[in-house]
Protein backbone atom coordinates (compact mmCIF):
# COMPACT_ATOMS: atom_id res chain seq x y z
CA MET A 1 117.40 138.39 30.33
CA HIS A 2 119.88 135.54 30.74
CA SER A 3 120.86 136.87 34.10
CA LEU A 4 117.15 136.92 35.19
CA ILE A 5 116.59 133.39 34.04
CA ILE A 6 119.63 132.18 36.03
CA ALA A 7 118.35 134.09 39.06
CA LYS A 8 114.98 132.64 38.81
CA GLU A 9 116.26 129.06 38.56
CA GLY A 10 118.50 129.76 41.46
CA ASN A 11 115.60 130.88 43.62
CA GLU A 12 113.55 127.80 42.52
CA ASN A 13 116.49 125.60 43.54
CA ASP A 14 116.79 127.25 46.92
CA SER A 15 113.01 127.01 47.51
CA ASP A 16 113.20 123.31 46.66
CA ASN A 17 116.19 122.84 48.94
CA GLN A 18 114.43 124.58 51.77
CA SER A 19 111.18 122.59 51.14
CA LEU A 20 113.30 119.35 51.16
CA ILE A 21 115.02 120.44 54.45
CA LYS A 22 111.70 121.28 55.96
CA LYS A 23 110.18 118.01 55.00
CA THR A 24 113.25 116.00 56.26
CA THR A 25 113.14 117.97 59.53
CA GLU A 26 109.43 117.06 60.03
CA ILE A 27 110.21 113.41 59.31
CA VAL A 28 113.00 113.36 61.95
CA ASP A 29 110.77 115.12 64.51
CA ASP A 30 107.74 112.92 63.74
CA THR A 31 109.98 109.82 64.01
CA HIS A 32 111.46 111.12 67.24
CA TYR A 33 107.93 111.62 68.68
CA LEU A 34 106.63 108.24 67.70
CA LEU A 35 109.71 106.47 69.19
CA SER A 36 109.43 108.65 72.33
CA GLU A 37 105.60 107.67 72.52
CA GLN A 38 106.46 103.95 72.17
CA ILE A 39 109.15 104.11 74.81
CA SER A 40 107.02 106.02 77.24
CA SER A 41 104.10 103.91 76.56
CA VAL A 42 105.96 100.61 77.51
CA SER A 43 107.50 102.32 80.62
CA ASP A 44 104.03 103.62 81.62
CA GLU A 45 102.17 100.26 81.16
CA LEU A 46 104.66 98.43 83.23
CA ASP A 47 104.80 101.09 85.94
CA SER A 48 101.11 101.32 86.00
CA PHE A 49 100.76 97.48 86.23
CA PHE A 50 103.22 97.17 89.14
CA GLY A 51 101.48 100.17 90.95
CA GLU A 52 104.52 102.43 90.33
CA GLU A 53 103.17 105.39 88.46
CA ARG A 54 105.88 107.86 87.95
CA LEU A 55 103.92 110.68 89.59
CA ASP A 56 102.28 109.62 92.73
CA GLY A 57 99.35 111.85 92.31
CA ASP A 58 99.04 111.17 88.55
CA PHE A 59 97.66 114.64 88.21
CA ASN A 60 94.59 113.97 85.96
CA LYS A 61 93.09 110.96 87.96
CA SER A 62 91.34 110.39 91.19
CA LYS A 63 92.16 107.03 92.69
CA ILE A 64 92.57 105.09 95.99
CA ARG A 65 95.08 102.24 96.55
CA PHE A 66 94.93 99.91 99.49
CA ASN A 67 97.94 97.44 100.28
CA PHE A 68 97.96 94.61 102.73
CA ILE A 69 101.65 93.44 103.08
CA THR A 70 103.02 90.46 104.99
CA THR A 71 106.77 89.97 105.36
CA PHE A 72 108.31 86.63 106.52
CA ASP A 73 111.90 86.34 107.78
CA ASP A 74 114.26 83.40 107.94
CA GLU A 75 112.52 81.97 111.07
CA GLY A 76 109.06 82.44 109.56
CA LYS A 77 108.12 85.32 111.72
CA ALA A 78 105.67 87.60 110.08
CA THR A 79 105.44 91.35 109.90
CA TYR A 80 102.18 92.79 108.93
CA LYS A 81 101.67 96.25 107.39
CA THR A 82 98.60 97.95 105.82
CA ASN A 83 98.97 101.23 103.85
CA ILE A 84 96.77 103.43 101.84
CA SER A 85 97.33 106.17 99.15
CA ALA A 86 94.56 108.23 97.81
CA SER A 87 94.35 111.13 95.23
CA LEU A 88 91.10 113.14 94.78
CA ILE A 89 90.83 115.89 92.10
CA LEU A 90 89.01 118.79 93.64
CA PRO A 91 86.22 120.24 91.68
CA ARG A 92 86.53 123.49 89.64
CA THR A 93 90.31 123.58 90.01
CA GLN A 94 91.10 122.56 86.37
CA LYS A 95 92.92 119.48 87.66
CA LYS A 96 95.51 121.76 89.34
CA MET A 97 94.51 120.89 92.96
CA ASN A 98 94.46 117.40 94.50
CA LEU A 99 93.57 115.99 97.90
CA ILE A 100 96.42 113.46 98.71
CA VAL A 101 96.19 111.02 101.60
CA GLU A 102 98.98 108.41 101.99
CA ASP A 103 101.49 106.73 104.36
CA VAL A 104 104.30 109.00 105.25
CA LYS A 105 107.64 107.88 103.52
CA LYS A 106 110.43 106.89 105.81
CA ASN A 107 112.90 107.71 103.05
CA LEU A 108 112.60 110.58 100.49
CA THR A 109 113.90 108.20 97.67
CA ASP A 110 110.62 106.23 98.23
CA ASP A 111 108.71 109.29 97.19
CA ASP A 112 110.61 109.22 93.87
CA GLN A 113 109.67 105.58 93.26
CA SER A 114 113.44 104.82 92.81
CA LYS A 115 113.24 101.70 94.98
CA THR A 116 116.58 102.51 96.56
CA GLY A 117 117.07 102.18 100.25
CA ASP A 118 114.60 99.29 100.57
CA SER A 119 117.02 96.82 102.05
CA GLN A 120 117.65 98.90 105.07
CA ASN A 121 113.98 99.25 105.83
CA GLN A 122 112.89 95.86 104.98
CA ASN A 123 115.50 94.21 107.11
CA ASN A 124 113.83 95.48 110.28
CA VAL A 125 111.34 92.65 110.70
CA THR A 126 111.48 92.37 114.49
CA ASP A 127 108.08 94.08 115.12
CA THR A 128 104.86 91.92 114.90
CA VAL A 129 102.80 94.60 113.54
CA THR A 130 104.12 97.95 111.73
CA ASP A 131 101.93 100.92 112.45
CA SER A 132 101.38 103.20 109.49
CA THR A 133 101.59 106.99 109.72
CA LEU A 134 99.23 108.99 107.46
CA THR A 135 99.63 112.25 105.80
CA ALA A 136 96.96 114.47 104.46
CA ALA A 137 97.87 117.31 102.02
CA LEU A 138 96.78 119.48 99.27
CA GLN A 139 98.82 119.01 96.05
CA TYR A 140 99.10 121.97 93.64
CA VAL A 141 100.23 121.19 90.11
CA ILE A 142 102.44 124.21 89.05
CA PHE A 143 103.51 122.93 85.80
CA ASP A 144 102.73 119.62 83.81
CA THR A 145 103.93 118.83 80.32
CA LYS A 146 105.44 115.98 78.50
CA ASN A 147 109.01 117.09 79.53
CA TRP A 148 108.44 118.99 82.76
CA ALA A 149 106.39 118.33 86.01
CA ILE A 150 106.46 120.63 89.01
CA ASP A 151 104.13 120.27 91.89
CA THR A 152 103.89 121.13 95.63
CA ARG A 153 102.25 119.60 98.74
CA THR A 154 101.33 121.22 101.87
CA GLY A 155 99.62 119.40 104.79
CA VAL A 156 100.22 117.54 107.97
CA ILE A 157 101.62 114.31 108.98
CA ILE A 158 98.99 112.50 111.42
CA SER A 159 100.95 111.74 114.38
CA SER A 160 101.41 112.69 118.07
CA PRO A 161 101.91 115.61 117.95
CA LEU A 162 100.60 116.73 114.55
CA ASP A 163 103.58 117.47 112.20
CA PRO A 164 102.86 120.14 109.49
CA TYR A 165 104.90 119.69 106.33
CA ALA A 166 105.52 121.23 102.91
CA ARG A 167 107.29 119.69 99.81
CA LEU A 168 108.34 120.82 96.34
CA ARG A 169 109.06 118.28 93.49
CA VAL A 170 110.54 119.18 90.14
CA ARG A 171 110.84 116.44 87.46
CA ARG A 172 112.40 116.48 83.93
CA PHE A 173 111.88 113.92 81.36
CA PHE A 174 114.46 113.17 78.60
CA TYR A 175 114.21 111.03 75.59
CA LEU A 176 117.76 109.79 74.60
CA GLU A 177 119.17 107.79 71.59
CA ASN A 178 118.70 104.01 71.09
CA GLU A 179 115.25 104.08 72.75
CA TRP A 180 116.64 105.23 76.25
CA GLU A 181 114.41 107.39 78.40
CA SER A 182 115.66 109.24 81.46
CA ARG A 183 114.00 111.29 84.24
CA PHE A 184 115.71 113.49 86.90
CA THR A 185 113.76 114.39 90.00
CA GLN A 186 114.72 116.97 92.61
CA LEU A 187 112.54 116.88 95.79
CA VAL A 188 112.89 119.15 98.92
CA ARG A 189 110.59 118.59 101.96
CA TRP A 190 110.33 120.33 105.38
CA SER A 191 108.32 119.30 108.55
CA TYR A 192 108.31 120.69 111.96
CA VAL A 193 109.53 117.38 113.52
CA ARG A 194 111.83 116.06 110.75
CA ASP A 195 113.32 119.43 109.69
CA TRP A 196 114.68 119.81 106.08
CA GLU A 197 115.19 116.77 103.75
CA GLU A 198 116.34 116.66 100.22
CA SER A 199 116.57 113.98 97.57
CA SER A 200 117.83 113.71 93.97
CA GLY A 201 116.95 110.80 91.67
CA LEU A 202 118.14 109.88 88.22
CA VAL A 203 116.38 106.94 86.38
CA PHE A 204 117.21 105.46 83.00
CA ASP A 205 114.67 103.29 81.06
CA LYS A 206 115.56 101.09 78.10
CA THR A 207 112.83 99.50 76.11
CA ILE A 208 114.01 96.15 74.82
CA ASN A 209 110.63 95.22 73.33
CA LYS A 210 106.88 95.46 74.20
CA GLN A 211 107.43 92.91 77.06
CA LEU A 212 110.76 93.93 78.51
CA LEU A 213 111.90 97.05 80.12
CA PHE A 214 115.39 97.56 81.59
CA ARG A 215 115.77 100.25 84.43
CA ILE A 216 118.71 101.76 86.29
CA ASN A 217 117.97 103.62 89.39
CA ASN A 218 120.18 106.23 91.10
CA GLY A 219 119.33 108.27 94.14
CA ILE A 220 120.96 110.31 96.94
CA SER A 221 119.19 111.95 99.88
CA TRP A 222 120.09 114.21 102.80
CA GLN A 223 118.57 115.00 106.11
CA LYS A 224 119.40 118.15 107.93
CA LYS A 225 118.50 116.60 111.43
CA THR A 226 120.86 113.78 111.13
CA GLN A 227 123.26 115.45 108.69
CA LEU A 228 123.32 112.26 106.86
CA PHE A 229 123.62 111.45 103.09
CA SER A 230 122.40 108.19 101.96
CA PHE A 231 122.65 106.80 98.38
CA GLY A 232 121.36 103.95 96.40
CA HIS A 233 122.01 102.33 92.98
CA GLY A 234 119.92 99.49 91.45
CA TYR A 235 118.95 97.52 88.30
CA SER A 236 115.66 96.19 87.40
CA LEU A 237 114.27 94.04 84.48
CA TYR A 238 110.52 94.11 84.00
CA HIS A 239 108.99 91.19 82.01
CA GLN A 240 105.30 91.43 80.99
CA LEU A 241 104.29 87.79 80.68
CA SER A 242 100.79 88.50 79.66
CA SER A 243 98.05 91.08 80.08
CA ASN A 244 97.67 90.05 83.72
CA LYS A 245 101.02 88.52 84.81
CA ALA A 246 104.41 90.10 85.08
CA LEU A 247 107.80 89.57 86.63
CA VAL A 248 110.60 92.03 87.84
CA TYR A 249 114.07 90.98 88.60
CA PHE A 250 116.02 93.50 90.73
CA SER A 251 119.26 94.19 92.56
CA ASN A 252 120.15 97.18 94.85
CA ILE A 253 123.04 98.59 96.74
CA ASN A 254 122.81 101.13 99.51
CA GLY A 255 125.09 103.20 101.59
CA ILE A 256 125.75 106.26 103.73
CA HIS A 257 128.61 108.64 104.25
CA LYS A 258 129.24 108.39 108.06
CA PRO A 259 131.47 107.53 109.73
CA LYS A 260 132.99 107.24 106.19
CA ILE A 261 131.45 106.40 102.83
CA HIS A 262 130.53 102.69 102.88
CA THR A 263 127.95 100.14 101.72
CA THR A 264 125.21 99.33 104.26
CA GLY A 265 123.33 96.79 102.21
CA TYR A 266 122.84 94.71 99.17
CA GLU A 267 119.66 93.02 98.02
CA LEU A 268 118.83 90.55 95.08
CA GLY A 269 115.47 89.43 94.35
CA VAL A 270 112.43 88.77 92.09
CA GLY A 271 108.90 89.86 92.19
CA TYR A 272 105.84 88.17 90.60
CA ARG A 273 102.62 90.19 90.02
CA GLN A 274 99.34 89.02 88.85
CA MET A 275 95.98 90.62 88.28
CA ILE A 276 93.62 88.34 90.21
CA TYR A 277 90.27 90.16 89.63
CA ASN A 278 89.03 92.64 86.85
CA ASN A 279 91.97 94.84 86.67
CA TRP A 280 91.76 96.21 90.29
CA VAL A 281 92.81 93.41 92.69
CA PHE A 282 96.49 92.30 92.46
CA LEU A 283 98.60 89.71 94.22
CA GLU A 284 102.33 90.05 94.38
CA ILE A 285 104.91 87.71 95.74
CA SER A 286 108.54 88.94 96.24
CA PRO A 287 111.32 86.70 97.72
CA LYS A 288 114.53 88.36 98.08
CA VAL A 289 118.00 88.04 99.84
CA VAL A 290 119.30 90.93 101.80
CA TRP A 291 122.87 91.64 103.10
CA SER A 292 123.12 94.32 105.73
CA ARG A 293 125.40 95.82 108.24
CA GLU A 294 125.43 99.02 110.38
CA GLU A 295 129.25 99.79 110.75
CA PRO A 296 131.71 99.83 107.91
CA ASN A 297 133.94 97.33 109.75
CA GLU A 298 131.19 94.73 110.37
CA ASN A 299 130.51 91.61 108.36
CA PHE A 300 127.38 91.58 106.32
CA LYS A 301 124.46 89.73 107.75
CA ARG A 302 122.38 87.76 105.33
CA THR A 303 118.55 87.60 105.66
CA ASN A 304 116.07 85.87 103.38
CA ILE A 305 112.77 87.79 103.06
CA ARG A 306 109.46 86.77 101.40
CA ILE A 307 107.01 89.47 100.93
CA VAL A 308 103.37 88.81 100.05
CA LYS A 309 101.13 91.85 99.07
CA ILE A 310 97.44 92.12 98.08
CA GLU A 311 96.55 95.41 96.38
CA PHE A 312 93.11 96.99 95.74
CA ASN A 313 92.95 99.79 93.17
CA PHE A 314 89.83 102.12 92.89
CA GLY A 315 90.08 104.44 90.01
CA GLY A 316 93.02 105.60 87.84
CA GLN A 317 94.20 102.20 86.90
CA LYS A 318 95.48 102.04 83.38
CA PRO A 319 94.57 98.94 81.48
CA VAL A 320 97.53 96.87 80.27
CA SER A 321 97.73 95.84 76.66
CA SER A 322 97.83 92.21 75.98
CA SER A 323 101.01 90.68 75.04
CA ASN A 324 99.83 87.23 74.06
């Protein structure tokens, strides 16, 4: 009888210990989930405000975005550019199939929103007008969860001649310690004219508070046609001033591997963005300094650039919570 009593007490203690462990595990998991939600929420709000949603199609929303961009160089000469991106969820596809119309990206890292490689492209301000090349494609969402996103696009680049293309993108989100969030993107694209292209991106976000977000961008891309690897590394600090105003401070470094691994450009600048009408019209002013060169033995050429952009959003725009 004594042994039975001891065994019963032991079983009760084991049960209590297991229950305590289970409750502790649930508390840890719930805390991790809440922290992850808070981190993601701040990143999503600032990305949305700056028109930089992490997944271009934003799988569950139909939207259209127009940009009217004017770029001024040191001499005051202006370059004008207009671009459009549109995502339309097709009916009866359970939000798996979208029609995508957008400007073709000159660099694959632009497709990952990594903002690396910009100094090489923006430094070319010799043309009075920059023509836009549109693509039309069907996007199919293979997989979309909190941690994973996989989608494909098949369509055509509207040029002369027409250029059919296909693209696969795989993205993985990670929630790290100390309120760090990371996402890795692997992207492969093929077109008849451009041949194979590949891009890898790794982004780290650190939520400082509800108004401040620190971001580290890393990207590397490769083109079969040119056999050229290009890389970029950058830092950004997003500052939400109020519900309709925000700043971003940024710096980037870019390079290529031919004829040897070398830096091709640096840039340093700030961007001011303000909602000027009812959550769908935005004004953005971005002065920056760019140092660029083409050959590894050349000296860097400095260029002061001022970019003014007016953006119109129809649908899909996520409201930004007030910080005042």
